[in-house]
Amino acid sequence: MPPMKILLILLSALALLGITAMAVFVFVVQNVETPAYEVVVAEGAFELRDYPAMVVAEVAREGARKEALSEAFSPLANYIFAKDRAGTRVAMTAPVIQQPEERIAMTAPVTQSRSEGDRWTVSFIMPADRALAALPPPGSTDVRLREIPPRRTAAVRFSGRTTDALIAEHEAALLEWMRSRDLKPASPPVYAYYNDPLTPGFLRRNEVLIGVAKD
């Protein structure tokens, strides 16, 4: 068989694999529950959202953002997959959310100022039909269940691999958008990761969310 024909066959096979991977990705993303919210204002990548109350399982870790996220994932996964407790599994949802403790002013981007001594809360959002009282208790003291009350949140959506620099860039843009609308931050930023680490950067959905103070 001529080399050119072999090359065309290989390229066709790779293209088919790429299309298949894309289809699987779209199917998985569309079938994972995400929190419901009402969009109050939409302006390009920016939104003002109203979220209802939601229940989360959370773990606190110290260190750099990326390392804290990685270290918190295992105990949270053990909880929802019933590996360290009795009872049935809890369905996986998206996004995984991460929030720093409030240590410096909330009116400027803080991502690039994080250090090894920072403390983070990493959370899995529980399915909307699972009330706090109905969830199985964690088998580890690492994991805490709690309900987040309804809140208004400013959000910016972006793609790419979530480096500290990329998050800081979009956090700064969100704060500037909030200032332009006279919206006051009410809480430290929340970083939302919707995809697994194997998802290509251009297909990823990431968000920075900042609570908005009531008038």
C-alpha atoms as a PDB file:
ATOM      1  CA  MET A   1       0.000   0.000   0.000  1.00  0.00           C
ATOM      2  CA  PRO A   2       1.464   3.430  -0.933  1.00  0.00           C
ATOM      3  CA  PRO A   3       2.751   5.507   2.050  1.00  0.00           C
ATOM      4  CA  MET A   4       0.416   8.393   1.193  1.00  0.00           C
ATOM      5  CA  LYS A   5      -2.629   6.138   1.365  1.00  0.00           C
ATOM      6  CA  ILE A   6      -1.477   4.736   4.729  1.00  0.00           C
ATOM      7  CA  LEU A   7      -1.036   8.278   6.009  1.00  0.00           C
ATOM      8  CA  LEU A   8      -4.556   9.241   4.879  1.00  0.00           C
ATOM      9  CA  ILE A   9      -6.004   6.169   6.596  1.00  0.00           C
ATOM     10  CA  LEU A  10      -4.178   7.028   9.834  1.00  0.00           C
ATOM     11  CA  LEU A  11      -5.347  10.647   9.670  1.00  0.00           C
ATOM     12  CA  SER A  12      -8.930   9.523   9.067  1.00  0.00           C
ATOM     13  CA  ALA A  13      -8.742   7.136  12.021  1.00  0.00           C
ATOM     14  CA  LEU A  14      -7.404   9.909  14.274  1.00  0.00           C
ATOM     15  CA  ALA A  15     -10.163  12.269  13.131  1.00  0.00           C
ATOM     16  CA  LEU A  16     -12.773   9.596  13.890  1.00  0.00           C
ATOM     17  CA  LEU A  17     -11.299   9.085  17.355  1.00  0.00           C
ATOM     18  CA  GLY A  18     -11.399  12.834  17.937  1.00  0.00           C
ATOM     19  CA  ILE A  19     -15.061  13.055  16.907  1.00  0.00           C
ATOM     20  CA  THR A  20     -15.904  10.094  19.140  1.00  0.00           C
ATOM     21  CA  ALA A  21     -14.084  11.650  22.097  1.00  0.00           C
ATOM     22  CA  MET A  22     -15.942  14.920  21.529  1.00  0.00           C
ATOM     23  CA  ALA A  23     -19.292  13.107  21.434  1.00  0.00           C
ATOM     24  CA  VAL A  24     -18.500  11.264  24.662  1.00  0.00           C
ATOM     25  CA  PHE A  25     -17.442  14.532  26.293  1.00  0.00           C
ATOM     26  CA  VAL A  26     -20.658  16.319  25.283  1.00  0.00           C
ATOM     27  CA  PHE A  27     -22.783  13.363  26.467  1.00  0.00           C
ATOM     28  CA  VAL A  28     -21.080  13.222  29.861  1.00  0.00           C
ATOM     29  CA  VAL A  29     -21.236  16.985  30.452  1.00  0.00           C
ATOM     30  CA  GLN A  30     -24.896  17.166  29.469  1.00  0.00           C
ATOM     31  CA  ASN A  31     -25.796  14.319  31.822  1.00  0.00           C
ATOM     32  CA  VAL A  32     -24.035  15.578  34.957  1.00  0.00           C
ATOM     33  CA  GLU A  33     -26.234  17.646  37.246  1.00  0.00           C
ATOM     34  CA  THR A  34     -25.207  21.268  37.759  1.00  0.00           C
ATOM     35  CA  PRO A  35     -26.780  23.781  40.174  1.00  0.00           C
ATOM     36  CA  ALA A  36     -29.860  25.615  38.967  1.00  0.00           C
ATOM     37  CA  TYR A  37     -29.725  29.404  39.032  1.00  0.00           C
ATOM     38  CA  GLU A  38     -31.620  32.389  37.639  1.00  0.00           C
ATOM     39  CA  VAL A  39     -29.710  34.789  35.407  1.00  0.00           C
ATOM     40  CA  VAL A  40     -30.527  38.358  36.484  1.00  0.00           C
ATOM     41  CA  VAL A  41     -28.067  40.101  34.138  1.00  0.00           C
ATOM     42  CA  ALA A  42     -26.051  38.652  31.251  1.00  0.00           C
ATOM     43  CA  GLU A  43     -23.311  40.638  29.560  1.00  0.00           C
ATOM     44  CA  GLY A  44     -20.873  38.622  27.461  1.00  0.00           C
ATOM     45  CA  ALA A  45     -18.920  36.273  29.719  1.00  0.00           C
ATOM     46  CA  PHE A  46     -20.306  38.000  32.836  1.00  0.00           C
ATOM     47  CA  GLU A  47     -23.522  37.182  34.657  1.00  0.00           C
ATOM     48  CA  LEU A  48     -25.367  38.206  37.782  1.00  0.00           C
ATOM     49  CA  ARG A  49     -27.056  35.080  39.161  1.00  0.00           C
ATOM     50  CA  ASP A  50     -29.476  34.147  41.909  1.00  0.00           C
ATOM     51  CA  TYR A  51     -28.743  30.723  43.387  1.00  0.00           C
ATOM     52  CA  PRO A  52     -31.130  28.781  45.618  1.00  0.00           C
ATOM     53  CA  ALA A  53     -29.902  27.061  48.774  1.00  0.00           C
ATOM     54  CA  MET A  54     -27.629  24.087  48.125  1.00  0.00           C
ATOM     55  CA  VAL A  55     -25.966  21.386  50.204  1.00  0.00           C
ATOM     56  CA  VAL A  56     -22.252  20.680  49.904  1.00  0.00           C
ATOM     57  CA  ALA A  57     -19.750  18.182  51.237  1.00  0.00           C
ATOM     58  CA  GLU A  58     -16.534  20.035  51.968  1.00  0.00           C
ATOM     59  CA  VAL A  59     -12.950  19.479  53.054  1.00  0.00           C
ATOM     60  CA  ALA A  60     -10.441  22.092  54.289  1.00  0.00           C
ATOM     61  CA  ARG A  61      -6.810  21.961  53.223  1.00  0.00           C
ATOM     62  CA  GLU A  62      -3.779  24.223  53.586  1.00  0.00           C
ATOM     63  CA  GLY A  63      -1.208  25.022  50.930  1.00  0.00           C
ATOM     64  CA  ALA A  64      -1.083  26.306  47.385  1.00  0.00           C
ATOM     65  CA  ARG A  65      -4.367  26.365  45.460  1.00  0.00           C
ATOM     66  CA  LYS A  66      -3.645  23.496  43.071  1.00  0.00           C
ATOM     67  CA  GLU A  67      -2.177  21.202  45.722  1.00  0.00           C
ATOM     68  CA  ALA A  68      -5.025  21.895  48.153  1.00  0.00           C
ATOM     69  CA  LEU A  69      -7.558  21.043  45.449  1.00  0.00           C
ATOM     70  CA  SER A  70      -5.813  17.765  44.675  1.00  0.00           C
ATOM     71  CA  GLU A  71      -5.474  16.734  48.325  1.00  0.00           C
ATOM     72  CA  ALA A  72      -9.132  17.454  49.103  1.00  0.00           C
ATOM     73  CA  PHE A  73     -10.470  15.454  46.169  1.00  0.00           C
ATOM     74  CA  SER A  74      -9.814  11.983  47.595  1.00  0.00           C
ATOM     75  CA  PRO A  75     -11.782  12.293  50.873  1.00  0.00           C
ATOM     76  CA  LEU A  76     -14.674  13.934  49.014  1.00  0.00           C
ATOM     77  CA  ALA A  77     -14.702  11.159  46.418  1.00  0.00           C
ATOM     78  CA  ASN A  78     -14.586   8.551  49.206  1.00  0.00           C
ATOM     79  CA  TYR A  79     -17.686  10.152  50.700  1.00  0.00           C
ATOM     80  CA  ILE A  80     -19.849  10.277  47.570  1.00  0.00           C
ATOM     81  CA  PHE A  81     -18.773   6.792  46.433  1.00  0.00           C
ATOM     82  CA  ALA A  82     -19.421   5.337  49.918  1.00  0.00           C
ATOM     83  CA  LYS A  83     -15.862   4.055  50.327  1.00  0.00           C
ATOM     84  CA  ASP A  84     -15.458   5.180  53.943  1.00  0.00           C
ATOM     85  CA  ARG A  85     -19.039   5.029  55.202  1.00  0.00           C
ATOM     86  CA  ALA A  86     -22.178   2.924  55.164  1.00  0.00           C
ATOM     87  CA  GLY A  87     -25.053   3.569  52.772  1.00  0.00           C
ATOM     88  CA  THR A  88     -25.464   4.138  49.063  1.00  0.00           C
ATOM     89  CA  ARG A  89     -23.490   6.328  46.720  1.00  0.00           C
ATOM     90  CA  VAL A  90     -24.309   9.966  46.082  1.00  0.00           C
ATOM     91  CA  ALA A  91     -24.437  11.053  42.450  1.00  0.00           C
ATOM     92  CA  MET A  92     -21.503  13.103  41.167  1.00  0.00           C
ATOM     93  CA  THR A  93     -22.329  16.661  40.135  1.00  0.00           C
ATOM     94  CA  ALA A  94     -20.439  19.621  38.686  1.00  0.00           C
ATOM     95  CA  PRO A  95     -18.700  21.893  39.385  1.00  0.00           C
ATOM     96  CA  VAL A  96     -16.141  21.164  42.078  1.00  0.00           C
ATOM     97  CA  ILE A  97     -15.779  24.469  43.911  1.00  0.00           C
ATOM     98  CA  GLN A  98     -12.855  25.922  45.843  1.00  0.00           C
ATOM     99  CA  GLN A  99     -12.776  28.988  48.076  1.00  0.00           C
ATOM    100  CA  PRO A 100      -9.954  30.620  50.071  1.00  0.00           C
ATOM    101  CA  GLU A 101     -10.325  31.855  53.591  1.00  0.00           C
ATOM    102  CA  GLU A 102     -10.802  35.611  53.699  1.00  0.00           C
ATOM    103  CA  ARG A 103      -7.367  36.922  54.629  1.00  0.00           C
ATOM    104  CA  ILE A 104      -6.961  40.043  52.475  1.00  0.00           C
ATOM    105  CA  ALA A 105      -9.250  42.620  50.909  1.00  0.00           C
ATOM    106  CA  MET A 106     -11.897  41.303  48.547  1.00  0.00           C
ATOM    107  CA  THR A 107     -11.711  44.321  46.245  1.00  0.00           C
ATOM    108  CA  ALA A 108      -8.601  43.179  44.369  1.00  0.00           C
ATOM    109  CA  PRO A 109      -7.580  39.888  42.716  1.00  0.00           C
ATOM    110  CA  VAL A 110      -6.077  37.607  45.334  1.00  0.00           C
ATOM    111  CA  THR A 111      -5.122  34.472  43.406  1.00  0.00           C
ATOM    112  CA  GLN A 112      -1.527  35.523  42.771  1.00  0.00           C
ATOM    113  CA  SER A 113      -1.032  36.348  46.466  1.00  0.00           C
ATOM    114  CA  ARG A 114      -1.715  32.832  47.739  1.00  0.00           C
ATOM    115  CA  SER A 115       1.071  31.111  49.641  1.00  0.00           C
ATOM    116  CA  GLU A 116       1.882  27.699  51.080  1.00  0.00           C
ATOM    117  CA  GLY A 117       0.187  28.664  54.356  1.00  0.00           C
ATOM    118  CA  ASP A 118      -3.180  29.524  52.857  1.00  0.00           C
ATOM    119  CA  ARG A 119      -6.285  27.566  53.792  1.00  0.00           C
ATOM    120  CA  TRP A 120      -8.878  26.472  51.249  1.00  0.00           C
ATOM    121  CA  THR A 121     -12.300  24.873  51.353  1.00  0.00           C
ATOM    122  CA  VAL A 122     -12.987  22.426  48.506  1.00  0.00           C
ATOM    123  CA  SER A 123     -16.584  21.277  48.015  1.00  0.00           C
ATOM    124  CA  PHE A 124     -18.681  18.801  46.065  1.00  0.00           C
ATOM    125  CA  ILE A 125     -22.240  20.045  45.506  1.00  0.00           C
ATOM    126  CA  MET A 126     -24.841  17.492  46.495  1.00  0.00           C
ATOM    127  CA  PRO A 127     -27.725  16.635  44.099  1.00  0.00           C
ATOM    128  CA  ALA A 128     -30.643  19.046  44.396  1.00  0.00           C
ATOM    129  CA  ASP A 129     -33.006  16.292  45.546  1.00  0.00           C
ATOM    130  CA  ARG A 130     -30.806  15.339  48.523  1.00  0.00           C
ATOM    131  CA  ALA A 131     -31.690  17.364  51.633  1.00  0.00           C
ATOM    132  CA  LEU A 132     -29.024  17.841  54.286  1.00  0.00           C
ATOM    133  CA  ALA A 133     -30.893  15.721  56.836  1.00  0.00           C
ATOM    134  CA  ALA A 134     -31.314  12.882  54.331  1.00  0.00           C
ATOM    135  CA  LEU A 135     -27.629  12.546  53.418  1.00  0.00           C
ATOM    136  CA  PRO A 136     -25.539   9.783  55.020  1.00  0.00           C
ATOM    137  CA  PRO A 137     -23.111  11.069  57.650  1.00  0.00           C
ATOM    138  CA  PRO A 138     -19.455  11.163  56.552  1.00  0.00           C
ATOM    139  CA  GLY A 139     -17.217   8.341  57.670  1.00  0.00           C
ATOM    140  CA  SER A 140     -14.284  10.732  58.017  1.00  0.00           C
ATOM    141  CA  THR A 141     -13.916  13.757  60.279  1.00  0.00           C
ATOM    142  CA  ASP A 142     -12.259  15.438  57.286  1.00  0.00           C
ATOM    143  CA  VAL A 143     -15.594  15.813  55.492  1.00  0.00           C
ATOM    144  CA  ARG A 144     -18.294  18.217  56.629  1.00  0.00           C
ATOM    145  CA  LEU A 145     -21.843  18.571  55.267  1.00  0.00           C
ATOM    146  CA  ARG A 146     -23.526  21.966  55.331  1.00  0.00           C
ATOM    147  CA  GLU A 147     -26.180  24.003  53.558  1.00  0.00           C
ATOM    148  CA  ILE A 148     -25.252  27.191  51.709  1.00  0.00           C
ATOM    149  CA  PRO A 149     -28.128  29.700  51.898  1.00  0.00           C
ATOM    150  CA  PRO A 150     -29.645  31.369  48.798  1.00  0.00           C
ATOM    151  CA  ARG A 151     -27.390  34.099  47.443  1.00  0.00           C
ATOM    152  CA  ARG A 152     -26.795  36.542  44.597  1.00  0.00           C
ATOM    153  CA  THR A 153     -23.497  35.986  42.804  1.00  0.00           C
ATOM    154  CA  ALA A 154     -21.493  37.692  40.081  1.00  0.00           C
ATOM    155  CA  ALA A 155     -19.828  35.213  37.728  1.00  0.00           C
ATOM    156  CA  VAL A 156     -17.420  35.114  34.817  1.00  0.00           C
ATOM    157  CA  ARG A 157     -17.040  32.055  32.606  1.00  0.00           C
ATOM    158  CA  PHE A 158     -13.863  31.103  30.749  1.00  0.00           C
ATOM    159  CA  SER A 159     -12.065  28.131  29.210  1.00  0.00           C
ATOM    160  CA  GLY A 160      -8.486  26.901  29.464  1.00  0.00           C
ATOM    161  CA  ARG A 161      -6.358  25.141  32.053  1.00  0.00           C
ATOM    162  CA  THR A 162      -6.814  26.809  35.425  1.00  0.00           C
ATOM    163  CA  THR A 163      -3.408  28.240  36.202  1.00  0.00           C
ATOM    164  CA  ASP A 164      -3.126  30.823  38.984  1.00  0.00           C
ATOM    165  CA  ALA A 165      -2.399  33.498  36.385  1.00  0.00           C
ATOM    166  CA  LEU A 166      -5.473  32.661  34.280  1.00  0.00           C
ATOM    167  CA  ILE A 167      -7.742  32.654  37.339  1.00  0.00           C
ATOM    168  CA  ALA A 168      -6.270  35.972  38.541  1.00  0.00           C
ATOM    169  CA  GLU A 169      -6.873  37.524  35.120  1.00  0.00           C
ATOM    170  CA  HIS A 170     -10.559  36.613  35.110  1.00  0.00           C
ATOM    171  CA  GLU A 171     -11.022  37.440  38.786  1.00  0.00           C
ATOM    172  CA  ALA A 172      -9.673  40.936  38.085  1.00  0.00           C
ATOM    173  CA  ALA A 173     -12.014  41.293  35.108  1.00  0.00           C
ATOM    174  CA  LEU A 174     -14.992  40.189  37.217  1.00  0.00           C
ATOM    175  CA  LEU A 175     -14.161  42.663  39.979  1.00  0.00           C
ATOM    176  CA  GLU A 176     -13.888  45.443  37.401  1.00  0.00           C
ATOM    177  CA  TRP A 177     -17.269  44.448  35.931  1.00  0.00           C
ATOM    178  CA  MET A 178     -18.762  44.504  39.426  1.00  0.00           C
ATOM    179  CA  ARG A 179     -17.335  47.962  40.072  1.00  0.00           C
ATOM    180  CA  SER A 180     -18.816  49.211  36.806  1.00  0.00           C
ATOM    181  CA  ARG A 181     -22.243  48.117  38.070  1.00  0.00           C
ATOM    182  CA  ASP A 182     -21.676  49.302  41.638  1.00  0.00           C
ATOM    183  CA  LEU A 183     -21.856  45.739  42.982  1.00  0.00           C
ATOM    184  CA  LYS A 184     -20.050  45.212  46.281  1.00  0.00           C
ATOM    185  CA  PRO A 185     -18.268  41.889  47.012  1.00  0.00           C
ATOM    186  CA  ALA A 186     -19.771  40.053  49.969  1.00  0.00           C
ATOM    187  CA  SER A 187     -17.464  37.029  50.153  1.00  0.00           C
ATOM    188  CA  PRO A 188     -14.113  35.720  48.951  1.00  0.00           C
ATOM    189  CA  PRO A 189     -14.050  34.427  45.359  1.00  0.00           C
ATOM    190  CA  VAL A 190     -15.151  30.897  44.536  1.00  0.00           C
ATOM    191  CA  TYR A 191     -13.371  28.991  41.776  1.00  0.00           C
ATOM    192  CA  ALA A 192     -15.582  26.509  39.927  1.00  0.00           C
ATOM    193  CA  TYR A 193     -14.128  23.620  37.909  1.00  0.00           C
ATOM    194  CA  TYR A 194     -16.611  21.749  35.715  1.00  0.00           C
ATOM    195  CA  ASN A 195     -14.337  19.193  34.028  1.00  0.00           C
ATOM    196  CA  ASP A 196     -11.925  16.398  34.831  1.00  0.00           C
ATOM    197  CA  PRO A 197      -8.154  16.897  34.398  1.00  0.00           C
ATOM    198  CA  LEU A 198      -8.095  14.983  31.095  1.00  0.00           C
ATOM    199  CA  THR A 199     -10.456  17.415  29.331  1.00  0.00           C
ATOM    200  CA  PRO A 200      -8.581  19.583  26.783  1.00  0.00           C
ATOM    201  CA  GLY A 201      -8.247  23.200  27.858  1.00  0.00           C
ATOM    202  CA  PHE A 202     -10.360  24.647  25.053  1.00  0.00           C
ATOM    203  CA  LEU A 203     -13.291  22.412  26.073  1.00  0.00           C
ATOM    204  CA  ARG A 204     -13.157  23.262  29.756  1.00  0.00           C
ATOM    205  CA  ARG A 205     -15.715  25.339  31.594  1.00  0.00           C
ATOM    206  CA  ASN A 206     -14.307  27.319  34.493  1.00  0.00           C
ATOM    207  CA  GLU A 207     -15.831  30.141  36.498  1.00  0.00           C
ATOM    208  CA  VAL A 208     -14.946  32.695  39.123  1.00  0.00           C
ATOM    209  CA  LEU A 209     -17.913  33.617  41.336  1.00  0.00           C
ATOM    210  CA  ILE A 210     -18.113  36.383  43.920  1.00  0.00           C
ATOM    211  CA  GLY A 211     -21.022  36.896  46.296  1.00  0.00           C
ATOM    212  CA  VAL A 212     -22.796  40.247  45.968  1.00  0.00           C
ATOM    213  CA  ALA A 213     -23.733  42.329  49.002  1.00  0.00           C
ATOM    214  CA  LYS A 214     -27.408  43.100  49.505  1.00  0.00           C
ATOM    215  CA  ASP A 215     -28.507  46.705  49.022  1.00  0.00           C
END
